[in-house]
């Protein structure tokens, strides 16, 4: 079945361009005019990913993302005219999986959608779908679920899951940021700060479950998996 993408943007021209590009790539699409319109459509239909403009009336993209992240890990790609690093960081901090700025290349956007969908279905990096485990941490690719001390308590986004899986596959290895980028994003280049933002969100989620130092920072190098005790 073709993957279904919901496009949320108040600009009719942008919606038309996105629909044409994604439909041509084999996806089915639906559109929403703003955040509240999107919430209504999401309540009636399941989608595989969301392309979400940030600046919109009624409910903007950041507000919608925060609302969705209360109950859903639906892959979200932010689309924005804001190109400052702080805007990208805020997008990732509220739970976005990727961020692309206007004006954009439709080809690049389709590539990023493909990448985020691969991550959401656990097909980006693992060769085997056997569960990965160290100490109290376990990742199940078939169920696309993270466990801590046997409890299903960690709602991870597609990108967060892919990053954690890369670390867990080689638990003693110190990863440079570009290595983690390759594991989570494939051929798409993102900034160091993007990886840092995702790592920070993973740590926050584990801390809420009582886990500390699940990912260790190796200053001047990158990251490695912590003791997971």
C-alpha atoms as a PDB file:
ATOM      1  CA  UNK A   1       0.000   0.000   0.000  1.00  0.00           C
ATOM      2  CA  UNK A   2       1.302   3.496  -0.808  1.00  0.00           C
ATOM      3  CA  UNK A   3       2.387   5.494   2.204  1.00  0.00           C
ATOM      4  CA  UNK A   4      -0.001   8.281   3.113  1.00  0.00           C
ATOM      5  CA  UNK A   5       1.396  11.749   3.777  1.00  0.00           C
ATOM      6  CA  UNK A   6      -0.515  14.654   5.308  1.00  0.00           C
ATOM      7  CA  UNK A   7       0.647  18.075   4.075  1.00  0.00           C
ATOM      8  CA  UNK A   8      -0.131  20.959   6.431  1.00  0.00           C
ATOM      9  CA  UNK A   9       0.489  24.426   4.983  1.00  0.00           C
ATOM     10  CA  UNK A  10      -1.655  27.542   4.629  1.00  0.00           C
ATOM     11  CA  UNK A  11      -0.100  28.412   1.240  1.00  0.00           C
ATOM     12  CA  UNK A  12      -2.104  26.781  -1.600  1.00  0.00           C
ATOM     13  CA  UNK A  13       0.854  26.963  -4.001  1.00  0.00           C
ATOM     14  CA  UNK A  14       3.121  25.086  -1.542  1.00  0.00           C
ATOM     15  CA  UNK A  15       0.428  22.458  -0.993  1.00  0.00           C
ATOM     16  CA  UNK A  16       0.093  21.979  -4.754  1.00  0.00           C
ATOM     17  CA  UNK A  17       3.860  21.635  -5.285  1.00  0.00           C
ATOM     18  CA  UNK A  18       4.184  19.172  -2.414  1.00  0.00           C
ATOM     19  CA  UNK A  19       1.257  17.076  -3.563  1.00  0.00           C
ATOM     20  CA  UNK A  20       2.601  16.891  -7.110  1.00  0.00           C
ATOM     21  CA  UNK A  21       6.104  15.870  -5.957  1.00  0.00           C
ATOM     22  CA  UNK A  22       4.930  13.283  -3.434  1.00  0.00           C
ATOM     23  CA  UNK A  23       2.255  11.796  -5.693  1.00  0.00           C
ATOM     24  CA  UNK A  24       4.813  11.499  -8.493  1.00  0.00           C
ATOM     25  CA  UNK A  25       7.077   9.615  -6.051  1.00  0.00           C
ATOM     26  CA  UNK A  26       4.309   7.081  -5.385  1.00  0.00           C
ATOM     27  CA  UNK A  27       2.793   8.437  -2.163  1.00  0.00           C
ATOM     28  CA  UNK A  28      -0.830   9.288  -1.542  1.00  0.00           C
ATOM     29  CA  UNK A  29      -1.456  12.694  -0.011  1.00  0.00           C
ATOM     30  CA  UNK A  30      -4.028  14.751   1.817  1.00  0.00           C
ATOM     31  CA  UNK A  31      -3.818  18.404   2.811  1.00  0.00           C
ATOM     32  CA  UNK A  32      -4.755  20.603   5.761  1.00  0.00           C
ATOM     33  CA  UNK A  33      -4.813  24.398   5.948  1.00  0.00           C
ATOM     34  CA  UNK A  34      -3.511  24.767   9.503  1.00  0.00           C
ATOM     35  CA  UNK A  35      -2.926  22.904  12.734  1.00  0.00           C
ATOM     36  CA  UNK A  36      -6.534  22.570  13.850  1.00  0.00           C
ATOM     37  CA  UNK A  37      -7.568  21.358  10.410  1.00  0.00           C
ATOM     38  CA  UNK A  38      -4.752  18.797  10.598  1.00  0.00           C
ATOM     39  CA  UNK A  39      -5.874  17.563  14.029  1.00  0.00           C
ATOM     40  CA  UNK A  40      -9.361  16.964  12.671  1.00  0.00           C
ATOM     41  CA  UNK A  41      -8.025  14.980   9.712  1.00  0.00           C
ATOM     42  CA  UNK A  42      -5.639  12.987  11.939  1.00  0.00           C
ATOM     43  CA  UNK A  43      -8.564  12.030  14.184  1.00  0.00           C
ATOM     44  CA  UNK A  44     -10.357  10.482  11.214  1.00  0.00           C
ATOM     45  CA  UNK A  45      -7.533   8.883   9.227  1.00  0.00           C
ATOM     46  CA  UNK A  46      -4.152   7.270   9.853  1.00  0.00           C
ATOM     47  CA  UNK A  47      -1.127   8.766   8.093  1.00  0.00           C
ATOM     48  CA  UNK A  48       2.451   7.536   7.759  1.00  0.00           C
ATOM     49  CA  UNK A  49       4.143  10.943   7.961  1.00  0.00           C
ATOM     50  CA  UNK A  50       3.427  14.648   8.259  1.00  0.00           C
ATOM     51  CA  UNK A  51       4.926  17.544   6.279  1.00  0.00           C
ATOM     52  CA  UNK A  52       4.296  20.481   8.557  1.00  0.00           C
ATOM     53  CA  UNK A  53       4.705  24.199   7.944  1.00  0.00           C
ATOM     54  CA  UNK A  54       5.676  26.163  11.037  1.00  0.00           C
ATOM     55  CA  UNK A  55       4.043  29.565  10.475  1.00  0.00           C
ATOM     56  CA  UNK A  56       0.269  29.126  10.109  1.00  0.00           C
ATOM     57  CA  UNK A  57      -2.915  30.689  11.511  1.00  0.00           C
ATOM     58  CA  UNK A  58      -5.236  28.957  14.001  1.00  0.00           C
ATOM     59  CA  UNK A  59      -2.508  26.598  15.304  1.00  0.00           C
ATOM     60  CA  UNK A  60       1.077  26.804  14.076  1.00  0.00           C
ATOM     61  CA  UNK A  61       3.364  23.868  13.325  1.00  0.00           C
ATOM     62  CA  UNK A  62       5.253  23.935  16.609  1.00  0.00           C
ATOM     63  CA  UNK A  63       2.019  23.913  18.621  1.00  0.00           C
ATOM     64  CA  UNK A  64       0.658  21.040  16.543  1.00  0.00           C
ATOM     65  CA  UNK A  65       3.869  19.038  16.947  1.00  0.00           C
ATOM     66  CA  UNK A  66       3.826  19.505  20.731  1.00  0.00           C
ATOM     67  CA  UNK A  67       0.179  18.425  20.836  1.00  0.00           C
ATOM     68  CA  UNK A  68       0.822  15.330  18.722  1.00  0.00           C
ATOM     69  CA  UNK A  69       3.871  14.302  20.738  1.00  0.00           C
ATOM     70  CA  UNK A  70       1.648  13.873  23.806  1.00  0.00           C
ATOM     71  CA  UNK A  71       0.193  10.720  22.248  1.00  0.00           C
ATOM     72  CA  UNK A  72       1.895  10.003  18.915  1.00  0.00           C
ATOM     73  CA  UNK A  73       5.337   9.405  17.402  1.00  0.00           C
ATOM     74  CA  UNK A  74       4.137  10.041  13.838  1.00  0.00           C
ATOM     75  CA  UNK A  75       7.161  11.089  11.730  1.00  0.00           C
ATOM     76  CA  UNK A  76       7.162  14.872  11.260  1.00  0.00           C
ATOM     77  CA  UNK A  77       9.154  16.859   8.715  1.00  0.00           C
ATOM     78  CA  UNK A  78       9.053  20.596   9.386  1.00  0.00           C
ATOM     79  CA  UNK A  79       8.852  22.981   6.439  1.00  0.00           C
ATOM     80  CA  UNK A  80       9.735  26.572   7.219  1.00  0.00           C
ATOM     81  CA  UNK A  81      10.926  29.887   5.796  1.00  0.00           C
ATOM     82  CA  UNK A  82      13.010  30.322   8.966  1.00  0.00           C
ATOM     83  CA  UNK A  83      16.611  29.330   8.322  1.00  0.00           C
ATOM     84  CA  UNK A  84      18.267  30.367  11.590  1.00  0.00           C
ATOM     85  CA  UNK A  85      19.955  27.585  13.544  1.00  0.00           C
ATOM     86  CA  UNK A  86      17.877  28.362  16.644  1.00  0.00           C
ATOM     87  CA  UNK A  87      14.669  27.764  14.643  1.00  0.00           C
ATOM     88  CA  UNK A  88      15.915  24.341  13.567  1.00  0.00           C
ATOM     89  CA  UNK A  89      16.887  23.479  17.133  1.00  0.00           C
ATOM     90  CA  UNK A  90      13.453  24.479  18.433  1.00  0.00           C
ATOM     91  CA  UNK A  91      11.846  22.295  15.771  1.00  0.00           C
ATOM     92  CA  UNK A  92      13.851  19.278  16.904  1.00  0.00           C
ATOM     93  CA  UNK A  93      13.373  20.067  20.602  1.00  0.00           C
ATOM     94  CA  UNK A  94       9.575  19.895  20.287  1.00  0.00           C
ATOM     95  CA  UNK A  95       9.817  16.515  18.552  1.00  0.00           C
ATOM     96  CA  UNK A  96      10.355  17.031  14.816  1.00  0.00           C
ATOM     97  CA  UNK A  97      12.250  14.340  12.907  1.00  0.00           C
ATOM     98  CA  UNK A  98      13.599  16.565  10.152  1.00  0.00           C
ATOM     99  CA  UNK A  99      13.566  20.193   9.013  1.00  0.00           C
ATOM    100  CA  UNK A 100      13.762  21.709   5.537  1.00  0.00           C
ATOM    101  CA  UNK A 101      13.644  25.389   4.619  1.00  0.00           C
ATOM    102  CA  UNK A 102      11.802  27.316   1.907  1.00  0.00           C
ATOM    103  CA  UNK A 103      12.518  27.684  -0.929  1.00  0.00           C
ATOM    104  CA  UNK A 104      13.061  23.947  -1.134  1.00  0.00           C
ATOM    105  CA  UNK A 105      13.892  21.374  -3.774  1.00  0.00           C
ATOM    106  CA  UNK A 106      10.954  18.978  -4.249  1.00  0.00           C
ATOM    107  CA  UNK A 107      13.491  16.222  -4.974  1.00  0.00           C
ATOM    108  CA  UNK A 108      15.259  16.833  -1.647  1.00  0.00           C
ATOM    109  CA  UNK A 109      11.948  16.882   0.213  1.00  0.00           C
ATOM    110  CA  UNK A 110      10.947  13.524  -1.297  1.00  0.00           C
ATOM    111  CA  UNK A 111      14.361  12.101  -0.319  1.00  0.00           C
ATOM    112  CA  UNK A 112      13.908  13.292   3.250  1.00  0.00           C
ATOM    113  CA  UNK A 113      10.409  11.814   3.433  1.00  0.00           C
ATOM    114  CA  UNK A 114      11.803   8.491   2.210  1.00  0.00           C
ATOM    115  CA  UNK A 115      14.521   8.647   4.873  1.00  0.00           C
ATOM    116  CA  UNK A 116      12.161   9.432   7.728  1.00  0.00           C
ATOM    117  CA  UNK A 117       9.780   6.657   6.644  1.00  0.00           C
ATOM    118  CA  UNK A 118      12.661   4.176   6.578  1.00  0.00           C
ATOM    119  CA  UNK A 119      13.586   5.204  10.109  1.00  0.00           C
ATOM    120  CA  UNK A 120       9.990   4.903  11.273  1.00  0.00           C
ATOM    121  CA  UNK A 121       9.797   1.329  10.006  1.00  0.00           C
ATOM    122  CA  UNK A 122      13.158   0.316  11.406  1.00  0.00           C
ATOM    123  CA  UNK A 123      14.756  -0.330   8.013  1.00  0.00           C
ATOM    124  CA  UNK A 124      17.394   2.401   7.919  1.00  0.00           C
ATOM    125  CA  UNK A 125      20.325   0.703   9.628  1.00  0.00           C
ATOM    126  CA  UNK A 126      19.726  -2.740  11.118  1.00  0.00           C
ATOM    127  CA  UNK A 127      20.753  -5.776   9.103  1.00  0.00           C
ATOM    128  CA  UNK A 128      18.924  -8.076  11.505  1.00  0.00           C
ATOM    129  CA  UNK A 129      15.637  -7.354  13.230  1.00  0.00           C
ATOM    130  CA  UNK A 130      16.671  -9.310  16.316  1.00  0.00           C
ATOM    131  CA  UNK A 131      16.126  -7.259  19.503  1.00  0.00           C
ATOM    132  CA  UNK A 132      19.121  -5.242  20.680  1.00  0.00           C
ATOM    133  CA  UNK A 133      19.839  -5.177  24.398  1.00  0.00           C
ATOM    134  CA  UNK A 134      22.326  -3.893  26.925  1.00  0.00           C
ATOM    135  CA  UNK A 135      21.558  -3.996  30.634  1.00  0.00           C
ATOM    136  CA  UNK A 136      18.116  -2.566  31.290  1.00  0.00           C
ATOM    137  CA  UNK A 137      17.721  -1.199  27.747  1.00  0.00           C
ATOM    138  CA  UNK A 138      16.121  -3.225  24.961  1.00  0.00           C
ATOM    139  CA  UNK A 139      15.049  -2.188  21.466  1.00  0.00           C
ATOM    140  CA  UNK A 140      12.645  -4.363  19.502  1.00  0.00           C
ATOM    141  CA  UNK A 141      12.712  -3.503  15.775  1.00  0.00           C
ATOM    142  CA  UNK A 142       9.742  -5.730  14.916  1.00  0.00           C
ATOM    143  CA  UNK A 143       7.525  -3.944  17.430  1.00  0.00           C
ATOM    144  CA  UNK A 144       9.427  -0.688  16.993  1.00  0.00           C
ATOM    145  CA  UNK A 145       9.437  -0.359  20.761  1.00  0.00           C
ATOM    146  CA  UNK A 146      11.974   0.596  23.430  1.00  0.00           C
ATOM    147  CA  UNK A 147      11.950  -1.058  26.863  1.00  0.00           C
ATOM    148  CA  UNK A 148      13.589   0.013  30.106  1.00  0.00           C
ATOM    149  CA  UNK A 149      13.748  -2.646  32.849  1.00  0.00           C
ATOM    150  CA  UNK A 150      11.165  -4.621  30.893  1.00  0.00           C
ATOM    151  CA  UNK A 151       8.645  -1.783  30.795  1.00  0.00           C
ATOM    152  CA  UNK A 152       7.407  -0.235  27.574  1.00  0.00           C
ATOM    153  CA  UNK A 153       7.886   3.325  28.748  1.00  0.00           C
ATOM    154  CA  UNK A 154       9.908   5.087  26.060  1.00  0.00           C
ATOM    155  CA  UNK A 155       7.933   6.676  23.199  1.00  0.00           C
ATOM    156  CA  UNK A 156      10.713   7.423  20.704  1.00  0.00           C
ATOM    157  CA  UNK A 157      10.391   9.176  17.373  1.00  0.00           C
ATOM    158  CA  UNK A 158      11.716   7.444  14.252  1.00  0.00           C
ATOM    159  CA  UNK A 159      14.973   9.393  14.351  1.00  0.00           C
ATOM    160  CA  UNK A 160      15.479   8.872  18.087  1.00  0.00           C
ATOM    161  CA  UNK A 161      14.946   5.132  17.655  1.00  0.00           C
ATOM    162  CA  UNK A 162      17.458   4.991  14.781  1.00  0.00           C
ATOM    163  CA  UNK A 163      20.098   6.893  16.767  1.00  0.00           C
ATOM    164  CA  UNK A 164      19.659   4.698  19.811  1.00  0.00           C
ATOM    165  CA  UNK A 165      19.800   1.559  17.664  1.00  0.00           C
ATOM    166  CA  UNK A 166      23.100   2.697  16.130  1.00  0.00           C
ATOM    167  CA  UNK A 167      24.589   3.181  19.612  1.00  0.00           C
ATOM    168  CA  UNK A 168      23.192  -0.085  20.926  1.00  0.00           C
ATOM    169  CA  UNK A 169      24.551  -2.138  18.013  1.00  0.00           C
ATOM    170  CA  UNK A 170      28.082  -1.169  19.111  1.00  0.00           C
ATOM    171  CA  UNK A 171      27.731  -0.424  22.843  1.00  0.00           C
ATOM    172  CA  UNK A 172      31.424   0.162  23.535  1.00  0.00           C
ATOM    173  CA  UNK A 173      32.102   2.277  20.455  1.00  0.00           C
ATOM    174  CA  UNK A 174      32.508   6.064  20.634  1.00  0.00           C
ATOM    175  CA  UNK A 175      30.570   7.515  17.711  1.00  0.00           C
ATOM    176  CA  UNK A 176      31.491  10.753  16.043  1.00  0.00           C
ATOM    177  CA  UNK A 177      28.510  12.874  15.121  1.00  0.00           C
ATOM    178  CA  UNK A 178      28.909  12.255  11.393  1.00  0.00           C
ATOM    179  CA  UNK A 179      28.757   8.491  12.010  1.00  0.00           C
ATOM    180  CA  UNK A 180      25.462   8.899  13.852  1.00  0.00           C
ATOM    181  CA  UNK A 181      24.205  11.105  11.012  1.00  0.00           C
ATOM    182  CA  UNK A 182      24.965   8.319   8.534  1.00  0.00           C
ATOM    183  CA  UNK A 183      23.173   5.774  10.710  1.00  0.00           C
ATOM    184  CA  UNK A 184      20.037   7.871  11.172  1.00  0.00           C
ATOM    185  CA  UNK A 185      19.873  10.015   8.023  1.00  0.00           C
ATOM    186  CA  UNK A 186      21.691   8.003   5.368  1.00  0.00           C
ATOM    187  CA  UNK A 187      22.972  10.205   2.525  1.00  0.00           C
ATOM    188  CA  UNK A 188      21.212  13.345   3.778  1.00  0.00           C
ATOM    189  CA  UNK A 189      23.483  15.864   5.504  1.00  0.00           C
ATOM    190  CA  UNK A 190      22.349  17.500   8.743  1.00  0.00           C
ATOM    191  CA  UNK A 191      24.179  19.701  11.225  1.00  0.00           C
ATOM    192  CA  UNK A 192      25.944  18.607  14.413  1.00  0.00           C
ATOM    193  CA  UNK A 193      23.399  20.597  16.389  1.00  0.00           C
ATOM    194  CA  UNK A 194      20.620  18.459  14.904  1.00  0.00           C
ATOM    195  CA  UNK A 195      22.178  15.299  16.328  1.00  0.00           C
ATOM    196  CA  UNK A 196      22.770  17.059  19.664  1.00  0.00           C
ATOM    197  CA  UNK A 197      19.094  18.049  19.843  1.00  0.00           C
ATOM    198  CA  UNK A 198      17.919  14.490  19.225  1.00  0.00           C
ATOM    199  CA  UNK A 199      20.350  13.104  21.822  1.00  0.00           C
ATOM    200  CA  UNK A 200      19.106  15.659  24.352  1.00  0.00           C
ATOM    201  CA  UNK A 201      15.483  14.570  23.787  1.00  0.00           C
ATOM    202  CA  UNK A 202      16.419  10.894  24.180  1.00  0.00           C
ATOM    203  CA  UNK A 203      18.124  11.679  27.486  1.00  0.00           C
ATOM    204  CA  UNK A 204      15.091  13.625  28.698  1.00  0.00           C
ATOM    205  CA  UNK A 205      12.791  10.716  27.952  1.00  0.00           C
ATOM    206  CA  UNK A 206      15.021   8.242  29.751  1.00  0.00           C
ATOM    207  CA  UNK A 207      15.411  10.596  32.706  1.00  0.00           C
ATOM    208  CA  UNK A 208      11.617  10.701  33.018  1.00  0.00           C
ATOM    209  CA  UNK A 209      11.758   6.903  33.445  1.00  0.00           C
ATOM    210  CA  UNK A 210      14.433   7.160  36.126  1.00  0.00           C
ATOM    211  CA  UNK A 211      17.380   6.377  33.850  1.00  0.00           C
ATOM    212  CA  UNK A 212      20.482   8.554  34.013  1.00  0.00           C
ATOM    213  CA  UNK A 213      23.510   8.643  31.708  1.00  0.00           C
ATOM    214  CA  UNK A 214      22.035   6.285  29.130  1.00  0.00           C
ATOM    215  CA  UNK A 215      24.044   8.145  26.483  1.00  0.00           C
ATOM    216  CA  UNK A 216      27.453   9.478  27.469  1.00  0.00           C
ATOM    217  CA  UNK A 217      29.107  12.531  25.923  1.00  0.00           C
ATOM    218  CA  UNK A 218      32.732  12.068  24.955  1.00  0.00           C
ATOM    219  CA  UNK A 219      33.889  15.674  24.825  1.00  0.00           C
ATOM    220  CA  UNK A 220      35.534  16.660  21.577  1.00  0.00           C
ATOM    221  CA  UNK A 221      34.570  13.355  19.939  1.00  0.00           C
ATOM    222  CA  UNK A 222      30.896  12.450  20.134  1.00  0.00           C
ATOM    223  CA  UNK A 223      28.715   9.959  21.993  1.00  0.00           C
ATOM    224  CA  UNK A 224      28.594   6.375  23.216  1.00  0.00           C
ATOM    225  CA  UNK A 225      26.038   4.218  25.000  1.00  0.00           C
ATOM    226  CA  UNK A 226      26.150   4.513  28.789  1.00  0.00           C
ATOM    227  CA  UNK A 227      26.067   1.650  31.318  1.00  0.00           C
ATOM    228  CA  UNK A 228      22.248   1.199  31.083  1.00  0.00           C
ATOM    229  CA  UNK A 229      21.961  -0.062  34.631  1.00  0.00           C
END
